[in-house]
């Protein structure tokens, strides 16, 4: 069993529109074979109408939406780094302005067959 350690400093990016262009934190090198993790949240004052979407290459691991009561969605995406990967863009469509956040992590020593435990809370 390999030890999984975080690389660099995770960075959170906030946007007040229907998409967020994430940014890599200091020391996150996206070394080939490392697992990249993006934790994304979206919120609106009224209904969010579709799921969170991203650029290709990222796999959605979990999506916890509440589109009708509190108008939020949280999701976790993963990708195996190819080396110096570009930061992903996530989008969501809502009937009003949607605020979004994305925090990026790089996990060293992990591999693509190892599950990343995720959970979502939207209260």
C-alpha atoms as a PDB file:
ATOM      1  CA  UNK A   1       0.000   0.000   0.000  1.00  0.00           C
ATOM      2  CA  UNK A   2       1.415   3.378  -1.011  1.00  0.00           C
ATOM      3  CA  UNK A   3       1.269   6.378   1.257  1.00  0.00           C
ATOM      4  CA  UNK A   4      -0.808   9.177  -0.221  1.00  0.00           C
ATOM      5  CA  UNK A   5       0.535  12.644   0.481  1.00  0.00           C
ATOM      6  CA  UNK A   6      -0.561  16.050  -0.725  1.00  0.00           C
ATOM      7  CA  UNK A   7       1.758  17.984  -3.046  1.00  0.00           C
ATOM      8  CA  UNK A   8       2.069  21.753  -2.711  1.00  0.00           C
ATOM      9  CA  UNK A   9      -0.579  24.069  -1.306  1.00  0.00           C
ATOM     10  CA  UNK A  10      -4.187  23.575  -2.437  1.00  0.00           C
ATOM     11  CA  UNK A  11      -5.680  26.704  -3.971  1.00  0.00           C
ATOM     12  CA  UNK A  12      -9.322  27.801  -3.877  1.00  0.00           C
ATOM     13  CA  UNK A  13     -10.693  29.869  -6.754  1.00  0.00           C
ATOM     14  CA  UNK A  14     -14.001  31.768  -6.395  1.00  0.00           C
ATOM     15  CA  UNK A  15     -16.127  33.097  -9.233  1.00  0.00           C
ATOM     16  CA  UNK A  16     -19.413  35.006  -9.257  1.00  0.00           C
ATOM     17  CA  UNK A  17     -20.566  33.766 -12.658  1.00  0.00           C
ATOM     18  CA  UNK A  18     -21.689  30.398 -14.017  1.00  0.00           C
ATOM     19  CA  UNK A  19     -18.160  29.072 -14.443  1.00  0.00           C
ATOM     20  CA  UNK A  20     -14.944  28.950 -12.476  1.00  0.00           C
ATOM     21  CA  UNK A  21     -11.462  28.682 -13.981  1.00  0.00           C
ATOM     22  CA  UNK A  22      -9.476  26.985 -11.253  1.00  0.00           C
ATOM     23  CA  UNK A  23      -5.830  27.707 -10.423  1.00  0.00           C
ATOM     24  CA  UNK A  24      -3.012  25.472  -9.226  1.00  0.00           C
ATOM     25  CA  UNK A  25      -1.480  26.316  -5.859  1.00  0.00           C
ATOM     26  CA  UNK A  26       2.161  26.917  -5.022  1.00  0.00           C
ATOM     27  CA  UNK A  27       4.224  23.762  -5.428  1.00  0.00           C
ATOM     28  CA  UNK A  28       1.555  21.774  -7.263  1.00  0.00           C
ATOM     29  CA  UNK A  29       3.585  20.391 -10.189  1.00  0.00           C
ATOM     30  CA  UNK A  30       1.022  17.960 -11.706  1.00  0.00           C
ATOM     31  CA  UNK A  31       3.675  15.247 -11.924  1.00  0.00           C
ATOM     32  CA  UNK A  32       2.731  12.439 -14.316  1.00  0.00           C
ATOM     33  CA  UNK A  33       0.969   9.633 -12.428  1.00  0.00           C
ATOM     34  CA  UNK A  34      -0.183  11.771  -9.491  1.00  0.00           C
ATOM     35  CA  UNK A  35      -3.934  11.971  -8.861  1.00  0.00           C
ATOM     36  CA  UNK A  36      -5.440  15.413  -9.312  1.00  0.00           C
ATOM     37  CA  UNK A  37      -8.592  16.184  -7.331  1.00  0.00           C
ATOM     38  CA  UNK A  38     -11.016  19.078  -7.852  1.00  0.00           C
ATOM     39  CA  UNK A  39     -13.694  19.839  -5.250  1.00  0.00           C
ATOM     40  CA  UNK A  40     -16.339  22.105  -6.780  1.00  0.00           C
ATOM     41  CA  UNK A  41     -19.361  23.906  -5.315  1.00  0.00           C
ATOM     42  CA  UNK A  42     -22.039  26.042  -6.935  1.00  0.00           C
ATOM     43  CA  UNK A  43     -24.862  28.067  -5.378  1.00  0.00           C
ATOM     44  CA  UNK A  44     -27.627  30.330  -6.660  1.00  0.00           C
ATOM     45  CA  UNK A  45     -30.514  32.291  -5.189  1.00  0.00           C
ATOM     46  CA  UNK A  46     -32.982  30.271  -7.267  1.00  0.00           C
ATOM     47  CA  UNK A  47     -32.933  26.955  -9.086  1.00  0.00           C
ATOM     48  CA  UNK A  48     -29.748  25.516 -10.567  1.00  0.00           C
ATOM     49  CA  UNK A  49     -30.936  23.679 -13.654  1.00  0.00           C
ATOM     50  CA  UNK A  50     -28.105  21.383 -14.789  1.00  0.00           C
ATOM     51  CA  UNK A  51     -25.194  19.396 -13.368  1.00  0.00           C
ATOM     52  CA  UNK A  52     -21.678  20.723 -12.948  1.00  0.00           C
ATOM     53  CA  UNK A  53     -19.665  20.090 -16.130  1.00  0.00           C
ATOM     54  CA  UNK A  54     -15.920  20.260 -16.820  1.00  0.00           C
ATOM     55  CA  UNK A  55     -13.278  20.048 -19.482  1.00  0.00           C
ATOM     56  CA  UNK A  56     -12.474  16.587 -20.807  1.00  0.00           C
ATOM     57  CA  UNK A  57     -10.172  14.219 -18.958  1.00  0.00           C
ATOM     58  CA  UNK A  58     -11.730  14.748 -15.533  1.00  0.00           C
ATOM     59  CA  UNK A  59     -14.003  12.055 -14.043  1.00  0.00           C
ATOM     60  CA  UNK A  60     -16.883  13.029 -11.789  1.00  0.00           C
ATOM     61  CA  UNK A  61     -16.725  10.893  -8.626  1.00  0.00           C
ATOM     62  CA  UNK A  62     -19.704  12.371  -6.785  1.00  0.00           C
ATOM     63  CA  UNK A  63     -22.370  15.023  -7.312  1.00  0.00           C
ATOM     64  CA  UNK A  64     -24.673  16.050  -4.482  1.00  0.00           C
ATOM     65  CA  UNK A  65     -27.279  18.456  -5.836  1.00  0.00           C
ATOM     66  CA  UNK A  66     -30.204  20.206  -4.214  1.00  0.00           C
ATOM     67  CA  UNK A  67     -31.631  22.123  -7.127  1.00  0.00           C
ATOM     68  CA  UNK A  68     -35.075  22.822  -5.663  1.00  0.00           C
ATOM     69  CA  UNK A  69     -34.749  23.752  -1.979  1.00  0.00           C
ATOM     70  CA  UNK A  70     -31.418  25.411  -1.260  1.00  0.00           C
ATOM     71  CA  UNK A  71     -30.092  25.675  -4.839  1.00  0.00           C
ATOM     72  CA  UNK A  72     -26.591  24.268  -4.415  1.00  0.00           C
ATOM     73  CA  UNK A  73     -24.454  21.496  -5.817  1.00  0.00           C
ATOM     74  CA  UNK A  74     -21.124  20.037  -4.668  1.00  0.00           C
ATOM     75  CA  UNK A  75     -18.987  17.674  -6.717  1.00  0.00           C
ATOM     76  CA  UNK A  76     -15.625  15.925  -6.706  1.00  0.00           C
ATOM     77  CA  UNK A  77     -13.660  15.223  -9.899  1.00  0.00           C
ATOM     78  CA  UNK A  78     -10.397  13.294 -10.362  1.00  0.00           C
ATOM     79  CA  UNK A  79      -7.800  12.918 -13.098  1.00  0.00           C
ATOM     80  CA  UNK A  80      -4.475  11.098 -13.388  1.00  0.00           C
ATOM     81  CA  UNK A  81      -1.851  13.738 -14.150  1.00  0.00           C
ATOM     82  CA  UNK A  82      -0.094  13.560 -17.498  1.00  0.00           C
ATOM     83  CA  UNK A  83       2.461  16.193 -16.451  1.00  0.00           C
ATOM     84  CA  UNK A  84       2.006  19.974 -16.174  1.00  0.00           C
ATOM     85  CA  UNK A  85      -1.763  19.600 -16.725  1.00  0.00           C
ATOM     86  CA  UNK A  86      -3.766  22.779 -17.319  1.00  0.00           C
ATOM     87  CA  UNK A  87      -6.173  23.877 -14.612  1.00  0.00           C
ATOM     88  CA  UNK A  88      -9.757  22.787 -15.379  1.00  0.00           C
ATOM     89  CA  UNK A  89     -12.794  24.973 -16.006  1.00  0.00           C
ATOM     90  CA  UNK A  90     -16.110  23.990 -14.410  1.00  0.00           C
ATOM     91  CA  UNK A  91     -19.504  25.337 -15.470  1.00  0.00           C
ATOM     92  CA  UNK A  92     -23.094  25.179 -14.232  1.00  0.00           C
ATOM     93  CA  UNK A  93     -26.267  26.772 -15.541  1.00  0.00           C
ATOM     94  CA  UNK A  94     -28.763  28.451 -13.248  1.00  0.00           C
ATOM     95  CA  UNK A  95     -31.805  30.656 -13.646  1.00  0.00           C
ATOM     96  CA  UNK A  96     -29.935  33.410 -11.789  1.00  0.00           C
ATOM     97  CA  UNK A  97     -26.271  34.231 -11.280  1.00  0.00           C
ATOM     98  CA  UNK A  98     -24.397  31.232  -9.904  1.00  0.00           C
ATOM     99  CA  UNK A  99     -21.405  31.617  -7.575  1.00  0.00           C
ATOM    100  CA  UNK A 100     -18.818  28.848  -7.768  1.00  0.00           C
ATOM    101  CA  UNK A 101     -15.700  27.677  -5.937  1.00  0.00           C
ATOM    102  CA  UNK A 102     -13.067  25.116  -6.914  1.00  0.00           C
ATOM    103  CA  UNK A 103     -10.216  23.784  -4.778  1.00  0.00           C
ATOM    104  CA  UNK A 104      -7.502  21.724  -6.474  1.00  0.00           C
ATOM    105  CA  UNK A 105      -5.391  19.044  -4.786  1.00  0.00           C
ATOM    106  CA  UNK A 106      -2.496  16.948  -6.067  1.00  0.00           C
ATOM    107  CA  UNK A 107      -1.976  13.558  -4.398  1.00  0.00           C
ATOM    108  CA  UNK A 108       1.454  11.975  -4.691  1.00  0.00           C
ATOM    109  CA  UNK A 109       1.955   8.232  -4.514  1.00  0.00           C
ATOM    110  CA  UNK A 110      -1.654   7.546  -5.459  1.00  0.00           C
ATOM    111  CA  UNK A 111      -2.672   5.708  -8.577  1.00  0.00           C
ATOM    112  CA  UNK A 112      -5.646   5.663 -10.914  1.00  0.00           C
ATOM    113  CA  UNK A 113      -7.062   2.446  -9.439  1.00  0.00           C
ATOM    114  CA  UNK A 114      -7.165   3.779  -5.876  1.00  0.00           C
ATOM    115  CA  UNK A 115     -10.545   5.190  -4.869  1.00  0.00           C
ATOM    116  CA  UNK A 116     -10.785   8.711  -3.469  1.00  0.00           C
ATOM    117  CA  UNK A 117     -13.316   8.781  -0.616  1.00  0.00           C
ATOM    118  CA  UNK A 118     -15.694  11.692  -1.084  1.00  0.00           C
ATOM    119  CA  UNK A 119     -18.813  13.017   0.541  1.00  0.00           C
ATOM    120  CA  UNK A 120     -21.021  16.016  -0.016  1.00  0.00           C
ATOM    121  CA  UNK A 121     -22.930  18.182   2.454  1.00  0.00           C
ATOM    122  CA  UNK A 122     -25.142  20.919   1.115  1.00  0.00           C
ATOM    123  CA  UNK A 123     -26.818  22.432   4.173  1.00  0.00           C
END
